Amino acid sequence: MPTYEAVEAIYSAWTLLILSLEHEAASNNREGAAKARGMVRKIKSFVFIATTCFLRDVLALITKCSKVFQKDIIDIDQM
C-alpha cells in the first residue's frame, strides 16, 4: 500500500528530514527558509509524531489484512 510506505518513510527518516529542513531554514533563501521553519515547527509537534506512529501501527495491520483478502482463497490462520 502506498500510504503505508509513505508513513514508514517519514517514520524511518524523521531525524534526517528535520536536519534537512533546519539546514534549509538557515539558508539565505527567504521564502524557502520561512517555509522550512514552518514545516519544522509542525513536524516536531507531538501531534505529528503521535499521528505518524499511530498510522504506522494501524496501516501495517490494514496492509496485511488487505493482502490476505486479495487472494483467491482466504486462510484466516495466516492472519
N, C-alpha and C. Protein backbone atom coordinates (compact mmCIF):
# COMPACT_ATOMS: atom_id res chain seq x y z
N MET A 1 0.84 -1.19 0.00
CA MET A 1 0.00 0.00 0.00
C MET A 1 0.88 1.24 0.00
N PRO A 2 0.65 2.14 -0.91
CA PRO A 2 1.49 3.34 -1.00
C PRO A 2 1.39 4.22 0.25
N THR A 3 0.25 4.29 0.90
CA THR A 3 0.10 5.13 2.09
C THR A 3 0.98 4.62 3.21
N TYR A 4 0.97 3.32 3.43
CA TYR A 4 1.81 2.74 4.48
C TYR A 4 3.29 2.99 4.19
N GLU A 5 3.68 2.83 2.95
CA GLU A 5 5.08 3.05 2.59
C GLU A 5 5.49 4.51 2.81
N ALA A 6 4.59 5.45 2.53
CA ALA A 6 4.89 6.86 2.76
C ALA A 6 5.05 7.15 4.25
N VAL A 7 4.14 6.62 5.06
CA VAL A 7 4.23 6.83 6.51
C VAL A 7 5.49 6.18 7.05
N GLU A 8 5.82 4.99 6.58
CA GLU A 8 7.03 4.30 7.02
C GLU A 8 8.29 5.09 6.65
N ALA A 9 8.28 5.70 5.46
CA ALA A 9 9.42 6.51 5.03
C ALA A 9 9.60 7.73 5.93
N ILE A 10 8.50 8.38 6.28
CA ILE A 10 8.57 9.53 7.19
C ILE A 10 9.06 9.09 8.56
N TYR A 11 8.54 7.97 9.04
CA TYR A 11 8.92 7.46 10.36
C TYR A 11 10.42 7.13 10.41
N SER A 12 10.91 6.44 9.40
CA SER A 12 12.30 5.99 9.43
C SER A 12 13.30 7.11 9.14
N ALA A 13 12.86 8.15 8.43
CA ALA A 13 13.79 9.22 8.06
C ALA A 13 13.45 10.53 8.78
N TRP A 14 12.73 10.46 9.89
CA TRP A 14 12.28 11.66 10.60
C TRP A 14 13.45 12.56 10.99
N THR A 15 14.49 11.99 11.57
CA THR A 15 15.64 12.78 12.01
C THR A 15 16.31 13.47 10.83
N LEU A 16 16.50 12.74 9.74
CA LEU A 16 17.13 13.32 8.56
C LEU A 16 16.24 14.42 7.95
N LEU A 17 14.94 14.21 8.01
CA LEU A 17 14.01 15.21 7.50
C LEU A 17 14.12 16.51 8.30
N ILE A 18 14.18 16.38 9.62
CA ILE A 18 14.33 17.56 10.48
C ILE A 18 15.66 18.27 10.20
N LEU A 19 16.74 17.51 10.11
CA LEU A 19 18.05 18.12 9.84
C LEU A 19 18.07 18.85 8.50
N SER A 20 17.49 18.24 7.51
CA SER A 20 17.45 18.85 6.18
C SER A 20 16.63 20.14 6.19
N LEU A 21 15.47 20.10 6.84
CA LEU A 21 14.64 21.29 6.90
C LEU A 21 15.28 22.39 7.74
N GLU A 22 15.96 22.02 8.81
CA GLU A 22 16.65 23.03 9.62
C GLU A 22 17.80 23.68 8.84
N HIS A 23 18.47 22.88 8.02
CA HIS A 23 19.52 23.43 7.16
C HIS A 23 18.91 24.42 6.17
N GLU A 24 17.79 24.06 5.58
CA GLU A 24 17.11 24.95 4.64
C GLU A 24 16.62 26.21 5.35
N ALA A 25 16.16 26.06 6.59
CA ALA A 25 15.68 27.22 7.36
C ALA A 25 16.81 28.20 7.64
N ALA A 26 18.02 27.71 7.72
CA ALA A 26 19.18 28.57 8.00
C ALA A 26 19.77 29.16 6.71
N SER A 27 19.22 28.81 5.58
CA SER A 27 19.78 29.29 4.31
C SER A 27 19.42 30.74 4.06
N ASN A 28 20.00 31.30 3.02
CA ASN A 28 19.78 32.70 2.66
C ASN A 28 18.49 32.91 1.87
N ASN A 29 17.90 31.85 1.38
CA ASN A 29 16.67 31.95 0.60
C ASN A 29 15.51 32.27 1.54
N ARG A 30 15.00 33.50 1.50
CA ARG A 30 13.96 33.94 2.44
C ARG A 30 12.71 33.09 2.39
N GLU A 31 12.17 32.93 1.18
CA GLU A 31 10.91 32.19 1.03
C GLU A 31 11.07 30.73 1.43
N GLY A 32 12.13 30.08 0.97
CA GLY A 32 12.39 28.69 1.30
C GLY A 32 12.65 28.50 2.78
N ALA A 33 13.37 29.44 3.38
CA ALA A 33 13.68 29.36 4.81
C ALA A 33 12.43 29.50 5.65
N ALA A 34 11.54 30.39 5.26
CA ALA A 34 10.30 30.58 6.01
C ALA A 34 9.43 29.33 5.93
N LYS A 35 9.33 28.75 4.76
CA LYS A 35 8.54 27.52 4.60
C LYS A 35 9.16 26.38 5.41
N ALA A 36 10.47 26.28 5.37
CA ALA A 36 11.16 25.21 6.10
C ALA A 36 10.96 25.36 7.61
N ARG A 37 11.03 26.60 8.12
CA ARG A 37 10.80 26.82 9.56
C ARG A 37 9.38 26.41 9.95
N GLY A 38 8.42 26.73 9.10
CA GLY A 38 7.04 26.34 9.38
C GLY A 38 6.87 24.83 9.38
N MET A 39 7.50 24.16 8.44
CA MET A 39 7.41 22.70 8.37
C MET A 39 8.09 22.05 9.57
N VAL A 40 9.24 22.57 9.97
CA VAL A 40 9.96 22.03 11.13
C VAL A 40 9.08 22.15 12.37
N ARG A 41 8.44 23.29 12.54
CA ARG A 41 7.58 23.50 13.70
C ARG A 41 6.45 22.46 13.74
N LYS A 42 5.86 22.19 12.59
CA LYS A 42 4.76 21.22 12.54
C LYS A 42 5.26 19.79 12.73
N ILE A 43 6.37 19.45 12.09
CA ILE A 43 6.88 18.08 12.14
C ILE A 43 7.42 17.74 13.52
N LYS A 44 7.91 18.72 14.27
CA LYS A 44 8.41 18.47 15.62
C LYS A 44 7.29 18.42 16.66
N SER A 45 6.07 18.74 16.28
CA SER A 45 4.98 18.78 17.25
C SER A 45 4.60 17.36 17.70
N PHE A 46 4.09 17.28 18.91
CA PHE A 46 3.66 15.99 19.46
C PHE A 46 2.58 15.36 18.61
N VAL A 47 1.65 16.18 18.13
CA VAL A 47 0.53 15.66 17.34
C VAL A 47 1.04 14.97 16.07
N PHE A 48 2.00 15.58 15.38
CA PHE A 48 2.54 14.98 14.16
C PHE A 48 3.25 13.66 14.47
N ILE A 49 4.07 13.67 15.50
CA ILE A 49 4.82 12.46 15.85
C ILE A 49 3.87 11.34 16.28
N ALA A 50 2.91 11.67 17.13
CA ALA A 50 1.95 10.67 17.60
C ALA A 50 1.10 10.13 16.45
N THR A 51 0.67 11.00 15.56
CA THR A 51 -0.13 10.57 14.41
C THR A 51 0.67 9.66 13.49
N THR A 52 1.93 10.00 13.27
CA THR A 52 2.79 9.18 12.42
C THR A 52 2.96 7.79 13.02
N CYS A 53 3.22 7.72 14.32
CA CYS A 53 3.38 6.42 14.99
C CYS A 53 2.09 5.62 14.96
N PHE A 54 0.97 6.29 15.21
CA PHE A 54 -0.33 5.61 15.18
C PHE A 54 -0.62 5.07 13.79
N LEU A 55 -0.44 5.90 12.77
CA LEU A 55 -0.70 5.46 11.40
C LEU A 55 0.22 4.31 11.00
N ARG A 56 1.46 4.37 11.43
CA ARG A 56 2.40 3.29 11.11
C ARG A 56 1.90 1.95 11.66
N ASP A 57 1.43 1.96 12.90
CA ASP A 57 0.94 0.72 13.52
C ASP A 57 -0.35 0.23 12.85
N VAL A 58 -1.29 1.14 12.66
CA VAL A 58 -2.59 0.75 12.11
C VAL A 58 -2.48 0.36 10.64
N LEU A 59 -1.77 1.13 9.86
CA LEU A 59 -1.65 0.83 8.44
C LEU A 59 -0.89 -0.46 8.17
N ALA A 60 0.00 -0.84 9.06
CA ALA A 60 0.70 -2.13 8.90
C ALA A 60 -0.31 -3.27 8.98
N LEU A 61 -1.23 -3.19 9.93
CA LEU A 61 -2.25 -4.24 10.06
C LEU A 61 -3.24 -4.22 8.90
N ILE A 62 -3.65 -3.04 8.49
CA ILE A 62 -4.59 -2.93 7.37
C ILE A 62 -3.95 -3.44 6.09
N THR A 63 -2.68 -3.15 5.88
CA THR A 63 -1.98 -3.63 4.69
C THR A 63 -1.91 -5.15 4.69
N LYS A 64 -1.60 -5.73 5.83
CA LYS A 64 -1.53 -7.18 5.94
C LYS A 64 -2.90 -7.82 5.66
N CYS A 65 -3.94 -7.27 6.24
CA CYS A 65 -5.30 -7.79 6.01
C CYS A 65 -5.70 -7.64 4.54
N SER A 66 -5.37 -6.51 3.96
CA SER A 66 -5.71 -6.27 2.56
C SER A 66 -5.07 -7.30 1.64
N LYS A 67 -3.80 -7.61 1.90
CA LYS A 67 -3.11 -8.60 1.07
C LYS A 67 -3.71 -9.98 1.23
N VAL A 68 -4.14 -10.33 2.44
CA VAL A 68 -4.76 -11.64 2.67
C VAL A 68 -6.09 -11.72 1.94
N PHE A 69 -6.91 -10.66 2.01
CA PHE A 69 -8.23 -10.67 1.39
C PHE A 69 -8.18 -10.57 -0.13
N GLN A 70 -7.06 -10.18 -0.70
CA GLN A 70 -6.93 -10.10 -2.15
C GLN A 70 -6.65 -11.46 -2.79
N LYS A 71 -6.34 -12.44 -1.98
CA LYS A 71 -6.07 -13.78 -2.51
C LYS A 71 -7.38 -14.46 -2.90
N ASP A 72 -7.27 -15.44 -3.79
CA ASP A 72 -8.45 -16.18 -4.24
C ASP A 72 -9.03 -17.04 -3.10
N ILE A 73 -8.16 -17.63 -2.35
CA ILE A 73 -8.58 -18.47 -1.24
C ILE A 73 -8.11 -17.81 0.05
N ILE A 74 -9.06 -17.52 0.91
CA ILE A 74 -8.73 -16.82 2.17
C ILE A 74 -8.50 -17.85 3.26
N ASP A 75 -7.33 -17.78 3.87
CA ASP A 75 -6.99 -18.64 5.00
C ASP A 75 -6.83 -17.74 6.23
N ILE A 76 -7.82 -17.74 7.10
CA ILE A 76 -7.81 -16.86 8.26
C ILE A 76 -6.62 -17.14 9.17
N ASP A 77 -6.10 -18.37 9.17
CA ASP A 77 -4.96 -18.71 10.02
C ASP A 77 -3.71 -17.92 9.64
N GLN A 78 -3.63 -17.38 8.44
CA GLN A 78 -2.47 -16.59 8.02
C GLN A 78 -2.39 -15.26 8.75
N MET A 79 -3.50 -14.80 9.24
CA MET A 79 -3.53 -13.51 9.90
C MET A 79 -3.05 -13.71 11.30
